[in-house]
């Protein structure tokens, strides 16, 4: 058993749970209102939800790449850059779901 084989299922479960929460938000907030959640912050000093989603995806990729001794794929840098600008451009729930998939 390797560290990677232990870490990957944990991250998969975490990202599936986050995806399920976004699905619930869409179900409970009809009319596209769930998209407003992506700009929401739980506390003033926190990143918005859209950034949190992106950073969760980066964290999963980063852990696996580091354990395997591999370079990060180019899209990890793209996710980080998007996350830094997510306050102005939060994206949509569908885009967030694509990242989590």
PDB file of N, CA and C in Angstrom:
ATOM      1  N   UNK A   1       0.856  -1.172   0.000  1.00  0.00           N
ATOM      2  CA  UNK A   1       0.000   0.000   0.000  1.00  0.00           C
ATOM      3  C   UNK A   1       0.905   1.238   0.000  1.00  0.00           C
ATOM      4  N   UNK A   2       0.533   2.217  -0.833  1.00  0.00           N
ATOM      5  CA  UNK A   2       1.323   3.438  -0.935  1.00  0.00           C
ATOM      6  C   UNK A   2       0.558   4.601  -0.320  1.00  0.00           C
ATOM      7  N   UNK A   3       1.268   5.680  -0.059  1.00  0.00           N
ATOM      8  CA  UNK A   3       0.599   6.885   0.436  1.00  0.00           C
ATOM      9  C   UNK A   3      -0.417   7.401  -0.575  1.00  0.00           C
ATOM     10  N   UNK A   4      -0.062   7.327  -1.845  1.00  0.00           N
ATOM     11  CA  UNK A   4      -0.984   7.787  -2.881  1.00  0.00           C
ATOM     12  C   UNK A   4      -2.290   6.996  -2.834  1.00  0.00           C
ATOM     13  N   UNK A   5      -2.194   5.689  -2.655  1.00  0.00           N
ATOM     14  CA  UNK A   5      -3.417   4.871  -2.615  1.00  0.00           C
ATOM     15  C   UNK A   5      -4.262   5.161  -1.375  1.00  0.00           C
ATOM     16  N   UNK A   6      -3.660   5.732  -0.362  1.00  0.00           N
ATOM     17  CA  UNK A   6      -4.412   6.136   0.823  1.00  0.00           C
ATOM     18  C   UNK A   6      -5.014   7.529   0.670  1.00  0.00           C
ATOM     19  N   UNK A   7      -4.307   8.407   0.001  1.00  0.00           N
ATOM     20  CA  UNK A   7      -4.724   9.808  -0.109  1.00  0.00           C
ATOM     21  C   UNK A   7      -5.811  10.011  -1.163  1.00  0.00           C
ATOM     22  N   UNK A   8      -5.673   9.336  -2.305  1.00  0.00           N
ATOM     23  CA  UNK A   8      -6.594   9.556  -3.417  1.00  0.00           C
ATOM     24  C   UNK A   8      -8.047   9.292  -3.033  1.00  0.00           C
ATOM     25  N   UNK A   9      -8.401   8.187  -2.388  1.00  0.00           N
ATOM     26  CA  UNK A   9      -9.803   7.980  -2.009  1.00  0.00           C
ATOM     27  C   UNK A   9     -10.332   9.066  -1.067  1.00  0.00           C
ATOM     28  N   UNK A  10      -9.470   9.569  -0.207  1.00  0.00           N
ATOM     29  CA  UNK A  10      -9.888  10.627   0.719  1.00  0.00           C
ATOM     30  C   UNK A  10     -10.247  11.891  -0.056  1.00  0.00           C
ATOM     31  N   UNK A  11      -9.402  12.275  -0.986  1.00  0.00           N
ATOM     32  CA  UNK A  11      -9.686  13.476  -1.778  1.00  0.00           C
ATOM     33  C   UNK A  11     -10.893  13.278  -2.679  1.00  0.00           C
ATOM     34  N   UNK A  12     -11.040  12.078  -3.253  1.00  0.00           N
ATOM     35  CA  UNK A  12     -12.205  11.816  -4.093  1.00  0.00           C
ATOM     36  C   UNK A  12     -13.490  11.977  -3.295  1.00  0.00           C
ATOM     37  N   UNK A  13     -13.499  11.446  -2.076  1.00  0.00           N
ATOM     38  CA  UNK A  13     -14.686  11.567  -1.226  1.00  0.00           C
ATOM     39  C   UNK A  13     -14.951  13.026  -0.884  1.00  0.00           C
ATOM     40  N   UNK A  14     -13.909  13.785  -0.576  1.00  0.00           N
ATOM     41  CA  UNK A  14     -14.059  15.195  -0.228  1.00  0.00           C
ATOM     42  C   UNK A  14     -14.644  15.983  -1.402  1.00  0.00           C
ATOM     43  N   UNK A  15     -14.109  15.750  -2.603  1.00  0.00           N
ATOM     44  CA  UNK A  15     -14.588  16.485  -3.771  1.00  0.00           C
ATOM     45  C   UNK A  15     -16.005  16.062  -4.154  1.00  0.00           C
ATOM     46  N   UNK A  16     -16.345  14.773  -3.989  1.00  0.00           N
ATOM     47  CA  UNK A  16     -17.724  14.317  -4.244  1.00  0.00           C
ATOM     48  C   UNK A  16     -18.695  14.970  -3.266  1.00  0.00           C
ATOM     49  N   UNK A  17     -18.291  15.091  -2.007  1.00  0.00           N
ATOM     50  CA  UNK A  17     -19.152  15.728  -1.009  1.00  0.00           C
ATOM     51  C   UNK A  17     -19.382  17.194  -1.361  1.00  0.00           C
ATOM     52  N   UNK A  18     -18.341  17.878  -1.760  1.00  0.00           N
ATOM     53  CA  UNK A  18     -18.471  19.281  -2.153  1.00  0.00           C
ATOM     54  C   UNK A  18     -19.392  19.421  -3.358  1.00  0.00           C
ATOM     55  N   UNK A  19     -19.259  18.520  -4.305  1.00  0.00           N
ATOM     56  CA  UNK A  19     -20.139  18.511  -5.470  1.00  0.00           C
ATOM     57  C   UNK A  19     -21.596  18.280  -5.057  1.00  0.00           C
ATOM     58  N   UNK A  20     -21.814  17.371  -4.127  1.00  0.00           N
ATOM     59  CA  UNK A  20     -23.176  17.088  -3.646  1.00  0.00           C
ATOM     60  C   UNK A  20     -23.771  18.305  -2.946  1.00  0.00           C
ATOM     61  N   UNK A  21     -22.952  19.047  -2.206  1.00  0.00           N
ATOM     62  CA  UNK A  21     -23.457  20.260  -1.539  1.00  0.00           C
ATOM     63  C   UNK A  21     -23.872  21.305  -2.565  1.00  0.00           C
ATOM     64  N   UNK A  22     -23.122  21.419  -3.640  1.00  0.00           N
ATOM     65  CA  UNK A  22     -23.498  22.361  -4.690  1.00  0.00           C
ATOM     66  C   UNK A  22     -24.795  21.917  -5.372  1.00  0.00           C
ATOM     67  N   UNK A  23     -24.954  20.595  -5.569  1.00  0.00           N
ATOM     68  CA  UNK A  23     -26.210  20.073  -6.129  1.00  0.00           C
ATOM     69  C   UNK A  23     -27.386  20.411  -5.222  1.00  0.00           C
ATOM     70  N   UNK A  24     -27.203  20.233  -3.918  1.00  0.00           N
ATOM     71  CA  UNK A  24     -28.277  20.557  -2.975  1.00  0.00           C
ATOM     72  C   UNK A  24     -28.627  22.034  -3.018  1.00  0.00           C
ATOM     73  N   UNK A  25     -27.622  22.875  -3.147  1.00  0.00           N
ATOM     74  CA  UNK A  25     -27.868  24.315  -3.225  1.00  0.00           C
ATOM     75  C   UNK A  25     -28.715  24.638  -4.451  1.00  0.00           C
ATOM     76  N   UNK A  26     -28.404  24.008  -5.580  1.00  0.00           N
ATOM     77  CA  UNK A  26     -29.187  24.252  -6.789  1.00  0.00           C
ATOM     78  C   UNK A  26     -30.615  23.761  -6.640  1.00  0.00           C
ATOM     79  N   UNK A  27     -30.792  22.643  -5.967  1.00  0.00           N
ATOM     80  CA  UNK A  27     -32.125  22.087  -5.763  1.00  0.00           C
ATOM     81  C   UNK A  27     -32.955  22.970  -4.828  1.00  0.00           C
ATOM     82  N   UNK A  28     -32.328  23.472  -3.781  1.00  0.00           N
ATOM     83  CA  UNK A  28     -33.055  24.228  -2.771  1.00  0.00           C
ATOM     84  C   UNK A  28     -33.186  25.718  -3.098  1.00  0.00           C
ATOM     85  N   UNK A  29     -32.416  26.188  -4.070  1.00  0.00           N
ATOM     86  CA  UNK A  29     -32.467  27.601  -4.455  1.00  0.00           C
ATOM     87  C   UNK A  29     -32.764  27.695  -5.955  1.00  0.00           C
ATOM     88  N   UNK A  30     -34.024  27.535  -6.336  1.00  0.00           N
ATOM     89  CA  UNK A  30     -34.371  27.528  -7.761  1.00  0.00           C
ATOM     90  C   UNK A  30     -34.172  28.902  -8.402  1.00  0.00           C
ATOM     91  N   UNK A  31     -34.218  28.898  -9.710  1.00  0.00           N
ATOM     92  CA  UNK A  31     -34.131  30.149 -10.448  1.00  0.00           C
ATOM     93  C   UNK A  31     -32.731  30.721 -10.558  1.00  0.00           C
ATOM     94  N   UNK A  32     -31.722  29.879 -10.432  1.00  0.00           N
ATOM     95  CA  UNK A  32     -30.353  30.340 -10.579  1.00  0.00           C
ATOM     96  C   UNK A  32     -29.797  31.110  -9.392  1.00  0.00           C
ATOM     97  N   UNK A  33     -30.532  31.135  -8.290  1.00  0.00           N
ATOM     98  CA  UNK A  33     -30.065  31.884  -7.110  1.00  0.00           C
ATOM     99  C   UNK A  33     -28.867  31.218  -6.431  1.00  0.00           C
ATOM    100  N   UNK A  34     -28.671  29.939  -6.681  1.00  0.00           N
ATOM    101  CA  UNK A  34     -27.552  29.229  -6.052  1.00  0.00           C
ATOM    102  C   UNK A  34     -26.211  29.794  -6.521  1.00  0.00           C
ATOM    103  N   UNK A  35     -26.183  30.351  -7.718  1.00  0.00           N
ATOM    104  CA  UNK A  35     -24.952  30.928  -8.238  1.00  0.00           C
ATOM    105  C   UNK A  35     -24.409  32.043  -7.366  1.00  0.00           C
ATOM    106  N   UNK A  36     -25.293  32.726  -6.643  1.00  0.00           N
ATOM    107  CA  UNK A  36     -24.861  33.803  -5.754  1.00  0.00           C
ATOM    108  C   UNK A  36     -24.011  33.266  -4.604  1.00  0.00           C
ATOM    109  N   UNK A  37     -24.187  31.994  -4.285  1.00  0.00           N
ATOM    110  CA  UNK A  37     -23.387  31.399  -3.211  1.00  0.00           C
ATOM    111  C   UNK A  37     -21.893  31.395  -3.530  1.00  0.00           C
ATOM    112  N   UNK A  38     -21.560  31.350  -4.823  1.00  0.00           N
ATOM    113  CA  UNK A  38     -20.159  31.300  -5.205  1.00  0.00           C
ATOM    114  C   UNK A  38     -19.403  32.563  -4.810  1.00  0.00           C
ATOM    115  N   UNK A  39     -20.121  33.658  -4.638  1.00  0.00           N
ATOM    116  CA  UNK A  39     -19.488  34.913  -4.207  1.00  0.00           C
ATOM    117  C   UNK A  39     -19.535  35.080  -2.697  1.00  0.00           C
ATOM    118  N   UNK A  40     -20.236  34.183  -2.015  1.00  0.00           N
ATOM    119  CA  UNK A  40     -20.425  34.311  -0.565  1.00  0.00           C
ATOM    120  C   UNK A  40     -19.172  33.921   0.214  1.00  0.00           C
ATOM    121  N   UNK A  41     -19.029  34.571   1.375  1.00  0.00           N
ATOM    122  CA  UNK A  41     -17.940  34.270   2.305  1.00  0.00           C
ATOM    123  C   UNK A  41     -18.565  33.979   3.663  1.00  0.00           C
ATOM    124  N   UNK A  42     -18.053  32.969   4.354  1.00  0.00           N
ATOM    125  CA  UNK A  42     -18.555  32.667   5.694  1.00  0.00           C
ATOM    126  C   UNK A  42     -18.089  33.702   6.716  1.00  0.00           C
ATOM    127  N   UNK A  43     -16.953  34.296   6.449  1.00  0.00           N
ATOM    128  CA  UNK A  43     -16.398  35.326   7.321  1.00  0.00           C
ATOM    129  C   UNK A  43     -15.721  36.359   6.420  1.00  0.00           C
ATOM    130  N   UNK A  44     -15.637  37.603   6.881  1.00  0.00           N
ATOM    131  CA  UNK A  44     -15.067  38.656   6.032  1.00  0.00           C
ATOM    132  C   UNK A  44     -13.636  38.387   5.563  1.00  0.00           C
ATOM    133  N   UNK A  45     -12.857  37.663   6.356  1.00  0.00           N
ATOM    134  CA  UNK A  45     -11.466  37.431   5.979  1.00  0.00           C
ATOM    135  C   UNK A  45     -11.261  36.125   5.203  1.00  0.00           C
ATOM    136  N   UNK A  46     -12.348  35.469   4.805  1.00  0.00           N
ATOM    137  CA  UNK A  46     -12.248  34.219   4.038  1.00  0.00           C
ATOM    138  C   UNK A  46     -12.364  34.493   2.546  1.00  0.00           C
ATOM    139  N   UNK A  47     -11.842  33.562   1.762  1.00  0.00           N
ATOM    140  CA  UNK A  47     -12.054  33.618   0.324  1.00  0.00           C
ATOM    141  C   UNK A  47     -13.510  33.260   0.038  1.00  0.00           C
ATOM    142  N   UNK A  48     -14.063  33.714  -1.109  1.00  0.00           N
ATOM    143  CA  UNK A  48     -15.424  33.306  -1.477  1.00  0.00           C
ATOM    144  C   UNK A  48     -15.471  31.812  -1.794  1.00  0.00           C
ATOM    145  N   UNK A  49     -16.674  31.267  -1.798  1.00  0.00           N
ATOM    146  CA  UNK A  49     -16.863  29.835  -2.042  1.00  0.00           C
ATOM    147  C   UNK A  49     -16.228  29.400  -3.361  1.00  0.00           C
ATOM    148  N   UNK A  50     -16.332  30.214  -4.388  1.00  0.00           N
ATOM    149  CA  UNK A  50     -15.755  29.836  -5.682  1.00  0.00           C
ATOM    150  C   UNK A  50     -14.247  29.608  -5.573  1.00  0.00           C
ATOM    151  N   UNK A  51     -13.573  30.423  -4.772  1.00  0.00           N
ATOM    152  CA  UNK A  51     -12.140  30.236  -4.559  1.00  0.00           C
ATOM    153  C   UNK A  51     -11.889  28.978  -3.744  1.00  0.00           C
ATOM    154  N   UNK A  52     -12.714  28.736  -2.750  1.00  0.00           N
ATOM    155  CA  UNK A  52     -12.562  27.543  -1.915  1.00  0.00           C
ATOM    156  C   UNK A  52     -12.689  26.276  -2.764  1.00  0.00           C
ATOM    157  N   UNK A  53     -13.624  26.272  -3.709  1.00  0.00           N
ATOM    158  CA  UNK A  53     -13.796  25.108  -4.592  1.00  0.00           C
ATOM    159  C   UNK A  53     -12.539  24.899  -5.423  1.00  0.00           C
ATOM    160  N   UNK A  54     -12.054  25.970  -6.015  1.00  0.00           N
ATOM    161  CA  UNK A  54     -10.840  25.855  -6.846  1.00  0.00           C
ATOM    162  C   UNK A  54      -9.654  25.369  -6.019  1.00  0.00           C
ATOM    163  N   UNK A  55      -9.477  25.931  -4.840  1.00  0.00           N
ATOM    164  CA  UNK A  55      -8.342  25.553  -4.005  1.00  0.00           C
ATOM    165  C   UNK A  55      -8.467  24.117  -3.508  1.00  0.00           C
ATOM    166  N   UNK A  56      -9.688  23.624  -3.287  1.00  0.00           N
ATOM    167  CA  UNK A  56      -9.870  22.219  -2.900  1.00  0.00           C
ATOM    168  C   UNK A  56      -9.405  21.301  -4.027  1.00  0.00           C
ATOM    169  N   UNK A  57      -9.714  21.666  -5.263  1.00  0.00           N
ATOM    170  CA  UNK A  57      -9.264  20.877  -6.417  1.00  0.00           C
ATOM    171  C   UNK A  57      -7.742  20.909  -6.526  1.00  0.00           C
ATOM    172  N   UNK A  58      -7.161  22.086  -6.327  1.00  0.00           N
ATOM    173  CA  UNK A  58      -5.701  22.222  -6.389  1.00  0.00           C
ATOM    174  C   UNK A  58      -5.050  21.384  -5.301  1.00  0.00           C
ATOM    175  N   UNK A  59      -5.615  21.417  -4.113  1.00  0.00           N
ATOM    176  CA  UNK A  59      -5.037  20.671  -2.993  1.00  0.00           C
ATOM    177  C   UNK A  59      -4.978  19.175  -3.311  1.00  0.00           C
ATOM    178  N   UNK A  60      -6.026  18.657  -3.902  1.00  0.00           N
ATOM    179  CA  UNK A  60      -6.051  17.235  -4.242  1.00  0.00           C
ATOM    180  C   UNK A  60      -4.974  16.906  -5.273  1.00  0.00           C
ATOM    181  N   UNK A  61      -4.892  17.688  -6.326  1.00  0.00           N
ATOM    182  CA  UNK A  61      -3.874  17.450  -7.355  1.00  0.00           C
ATOM    183  C   UNK A  61      -2.476  17.627  -6.798  1.00  0.00           C
ATOM    184  N   UNK A  62      -2.293  18.665  -6.002  1.00  0.00           N
ATOM    185  CA  UNK A  62      -0.967  18.948  -5.454  1.00  0.00           C
ATOM    186  C   UNK A  62      -0.464  17.784  -4.595  1.00  0.00           C
ATOM    187  N   UNK A  63      -1.325  17.255  -3.755  1.00  0.00           N
ATOM    188  CA  UNK A  63      -0.918  16.151  -2.885  1.00  0.00           C
ATOM    189  C   UNK A  63      -0.480  14.935  -3.690  1.00  0.00           C
ATOM    190  N   UNK A  64      -1.268  14.583  -4.683  1.00  0.00           N
ATOM    191  CA  UNK A  64      -0.949  13.403  -5.488  1.00  0.00           C
ATOM    192  C   UNK A  64       0.346  13.618  -6.268  1.00  0.00           C
ATOM    193  N   UNK A  65       0.497  14.784  -6.867  1.00  0.00           N
ATOM    194  CA  UNK A  65       1.725  15.064  -7.644  1.00  0.00           C
ATOM    195  C   UNK A  65       2.955  15.036  -6.746  1.00  0.00           C
ATOM    196  N   UNK A  66       2.847  15.624  -5.575  1.00  0.00           N
ATOM    197  CA  UNK A  66       3.995  15.637  -4.663  1.00  0.00           C
ATOM    198  C   UNK A  66       4.352  14.222  -4.202  1.00  0.00           C
ATOM    199  N   UNK A  67       3.343  13.409  -3.897  1.00  0.00           N
ATOM    200  CA  UNK A  67       3.614  12.035  -3.458  1.00  0.00           C
ATOM    201  C   UNK A  67       4.252  11.208  -4.566  1.00  0.00           C
ATOM    202  N   UNK A  68       3.887  11.488  -5.794  1.00  0.00           N
ATOM    203  CA  UNK A  68       4.446  10.744  -6.936  1.00  0.00           C
ATOM    204  C   UNK A  68       5.750  11.350  -7.444  1.00  0.00           C
ATOM    205  N   UNK A  69       6.102  12.523  -6.940  1.00  0.00           N
ATOM    206  CA  UNK A  69       7.310  13.196  -7.401  1.00  0.00           C
ATOM    207  C   UNK A  69       7.172  13.754  -8.807  1.00  0.00           C
ATOM    208  N   UNK A  70       5.941  14.126  -9.182  1.00  0.00           N
ATOM    209  CA  UNK A  70       5.660  14.632 -10.523  1.00  0.00           C
ATOM    210  C   UNK A  70       5.486  16.147 -10.490  1.00  0.00           C
ATOM    211  N   UNK A  71       5.665  16.776 -11.644  1.00  0.00           N
ATOM    212  CA  UNK A  71       5.372  18.195 -11.779  1.00  0.00           C
ATOM    213  C   UNK A  71       3.862  18.385 -11.796  1.00  0.00           C
ATOM    214  N   UNK A  72       3.426  19.581 -11.404  1.00  0.00           N
ATOM    215  CA  UNK A  72       1.994  19.877 -11.435  1.00  0.00           C
ATOM    216  C   UNK A  72       1.545  20.056 -12.880  1.00  0.00           C
ATOM    217  N   UNK A  73       0.367  19.537 -13.218  1.00  0.00           N
ATOM    218  CA  UNK A  73      -0.177  19.790 -14.554  1.00  0.00           C
ATOM    219  C   UNK A  73      -0.430  21.293 -14.733  1.00  0.00           C
ATOM    220  N   UNK A  74      -0.415  21.756 -15.965  1.00  0.00           N
ATOM    221  CA  UNK A  74      -0.578  23.183 -16.262  1.00  0.00           C
ATOM    222  C   UNK A  74      -1.907  23.728 -15.739  1.00  0.00           C
ATOM    223  N   UNK A  75      -2.964  22.911 -15.746  1.00  0.00           N
ATOM    224  CA  UNK A  75      -4.259  23.422 -15.305  1.00  0.00           C
ATOM    225  C   UNK A  75      -4.286  23.741 -13.812  1.00  0.00           C
ATOM    226  N   UNK A  76      -3.359  23.205 -13.042  1.00  0.00           N
ATOM    227  CA  UNK A  76      -3.292  23.546 -11.611  1.00  0.00           C
ATOM    228  C   UNK A  76      -2.943  25.024 -11.453  1.00  0.00           C
ATOM    229  N   UNK A  77      -2.009  25.511 -12.250  1.00  0.00           N
ATOM    230  CA  UNK A  77      -1.666  26.935 -12.227  1.00  0.00           C
ATOM    231  C   UNK A  77      -2.860  27.773 -12.665  1.00  0.00           C
ATOM    232  N   UNK A  78      -3.585  27.300 -13.662  1.00  0.00           N
ATOM    233  CA  UNK A  78      -4.784  28.007 -14.121  1.00  0.00           C
ATOM    234  C   UNK A  78      -5.809  28.087 -13.000  1.00  0.00           C
ATOM    235  N   UNK A  79      -6.041  26.989 -12.295  1.00  0.00           N
ATOM    236  CA  UNK A  79      -6.983  26.989 -11.170  1.00  0.00           C
ATOM    237  C   UNK A  79      -6.554  27.964 -10.080  1.00  0.00           C
ATOM    238  N   UNK A  80      -5.268  27.987  -9.775  1.00  0.00           N
ATOM    239  CA  UNK A  80      -4.767  28.919  -8.760  1.00  0.00           C
ATOM    240  C   UNK A  80      -5.000  30.355  -9.183  1.00  0.00           C
ATOM    241  N   UNK A  81      -4.715  30.668 -10.441  1.00  0.00           N
ATOM    242  CA  UNK A  81      -4.931  32.031 -10.935  1.00  0.00           C
ATOM    243  C   UNK A  81      -6.411  32.391 -10.917  1.00  0.00           C
ATOM    244  N   UNK A  82      -7.268  31.467 -11.334  1.00  0.00           N
ATOM    245  CA  UNK A  82      -8.709  31.709 -11.289  1.00  0.00           C
ATOM    246  C   UNK A  82      -9.165  31.928  -9.848  1.00  0.00           C
ATOM    247  N   UNK A  83      -8.638  31.133  -8.936  1.00  0.00           N
ATOM    248  CA  UNK A  83      -9.018  31.256  -7.535  1.00  0.00           C
ATOM    249  C   UNK A  83      -8.647  32.599  -6.956  1.00  0.00           C
ATOM    250  N   UNK A  84      -7.494  33.120  -7.340  1.00  0.00           N
ATOM    251  CA  UNK A  84      -7.060  34.428  -6.852  1.00  0.00           C
ATOM    252  C   UNK A  84      -7.971  35.552  -7.348  1.00  0.00           C
ATOM    253  N   UNK A  85      -8.606  35.347  -8.499  1.00  0.00           N
ATOM    254  CA  UNK A  85      -9.481  36.364  -9.083  1.00  0.00           C
ATOM    255  C   UNK A  85     -10.956  36.023  -8.953  1.00  0.00           C
ATOM    256  N   UNK A  86     -11.288  35.031  -8.160  1.00  0.00           N
ATOM    257  CA  UNK A  86     -12.668  34.550  -8.083  1.00  0.00           C
ATOM    258  C   UNK A  86     -13.609  35.554  -7.431  1.00  0.00           C
ATOM    259  N   UNK A  87     -13.088  36.495  -6.664  1.00  0.00           N
ATOM    260  CA  UNK A  87     -13.957  37.518  -6.084  1.00  0.00           C
ATOM    261  C   UNK A  87     -14.638  38.334  -7.155  1.00  0.00           C
ATOM    262  N   UNK A  88     -13.900  38.625  -8.240  1.00  0.00           N
ATOM    263  CA  UNK A  88     -14.462  39.396  -9.349  1.00  0.00           C
ATOM    264  C   UNK A  88     -15.154  38.515 -10.378  1.00  0.00           C
ATOM    265  N   UNK A  89     -14.686  37.260 -10.516  1.00  0.00           N
ATOM    266  CA  UNK A  89     -15.214  36.344 -11.527  1.00  0.00           C
ATOM    267  C   UNK A  89     -15.473  34.973 -10.883  1.00  0.00           C
ATOM    268  N   UNK A  90     -16.552  34.858 -10.115  1.00  0.00           N
ATOM    269  CA  UNK A  90     -16.785  33.604  -9.391  1.00  0.00           C
ATOM    270  C   UNK A  90     -17.131  32.411 -10.277  1.00  0.00           C
ATOM    271  N   UNK A  91     -17.630  32.646 -11.473  1.00  0.00           N
ATOM    272  CA  UNK A  91     -18.032  31.544 -12.329  1.00  0.00           C
ATOM    273  C   UNK A  91     -19.434  31.069 -11.987  1.00  0.00           C
ATOM    274  N   UNK A  92     -19.771  29.891 -12.476  1.00  0.00           N
ATOM    275  CA  UNK A  92     -21.105  29.332 -12.275  1.00  0.00           C
ATOM    276  C   UNK A  92     -21.013  28.024 -11.500  1.00  0.00           C
ATOM    277  N   UNK A  93     -22.162  27.580 -11.030  1.00  0.00           N
ATOM    278  CA  UNK A  93     -22.222  26.282 -10.344  1.00  0.00           C
ATOM    279  C   UNK A  93     -21.804  25.179 -11.317  1.00  0.00           C
ATOM    280  N   UNK A  94     -22.219  25.269 -12.559  1.00  0.00           N
ATOM    281  CA  UNK A  94     -21.867  24.248 -13.563  1.00  0.00           C
ATOM    282  C   UNK A  94     -20.348  24.196 -13.762  1.00  0.00           C
ATOM    283  N   UNK A  95     -19.699  25.347 -13.790  1.00  0.00           N
ATOM    284  CA  UNK A  95     -18.240  25.371 -13.924  1.00  0.00           C
ATOM    285  C   UNK A  95     -17.570  24.757 -12.682  1.00  0.00           C
ATOM    286  N   UNK A  96     -18.104  25.070 -11.524  1.00  0.00           N
ATOM    287  CA  UNK A  96     -17.568  24.495 -10.289  1.00  0.00           C
ATOM    288  C   UNK A  96     -17.719  22.977 -10.291  1.00  0.00           C
ATOM    289  N   UNK A  97     -18.865  22.495 -10.748  1.00  0.00           N
ATOM    290  CA  UNK A  97     -19.108  21.049 -10.819  1.00  0.00           C
ATOM    291  C   UNK A  97     -18.135  20.377 -11.792  1.00  0.00           C
ATOM    292  N   UNK A  98     -17.829  21.056 -12.898  1.00  0.00           N
ATOM    293  CA  UNK A  98     -16.875  20.515 -13.865  1.00  0.00           C
ATOM    294  C   UNK A  98     -15.504  20.360 -13.233  1.00  0.00           C
ATOM    295  N   UNK A  99     -15.097  21.355 -12.442  1.00  0.00           N
ATOM    296  CA  UNK A  99     -13.794  21.289 -11.784  1.00  0.00           C
ATOM    297  C   UNK A  99     -13.748  20.144 -10.774  1.00  0.00           C
ATOM    298  N   UNK A 100     -14.861  19.907 -10.116  1.00  0.00           N
ATOM    299  CA  UNK A 100     -14.911  18.865  -9.079  1.00  0.00           C
ATOM    300  C   UNK A 100     -15.000  17.472  -9.668  1.00  0.00           C
ATOM    301  N   UNK A 101     -15.434  17.371 -10.917  1.00  0.00           N
ATOM    302  CA  UNK A 101     -15.653  16.068 -11.537  1.00  0.00           C
ATOM    303  C   UNK A 101     -14.461  15.388 -11.925  1.00  0.00           C
TER     304      UNK A 101
END
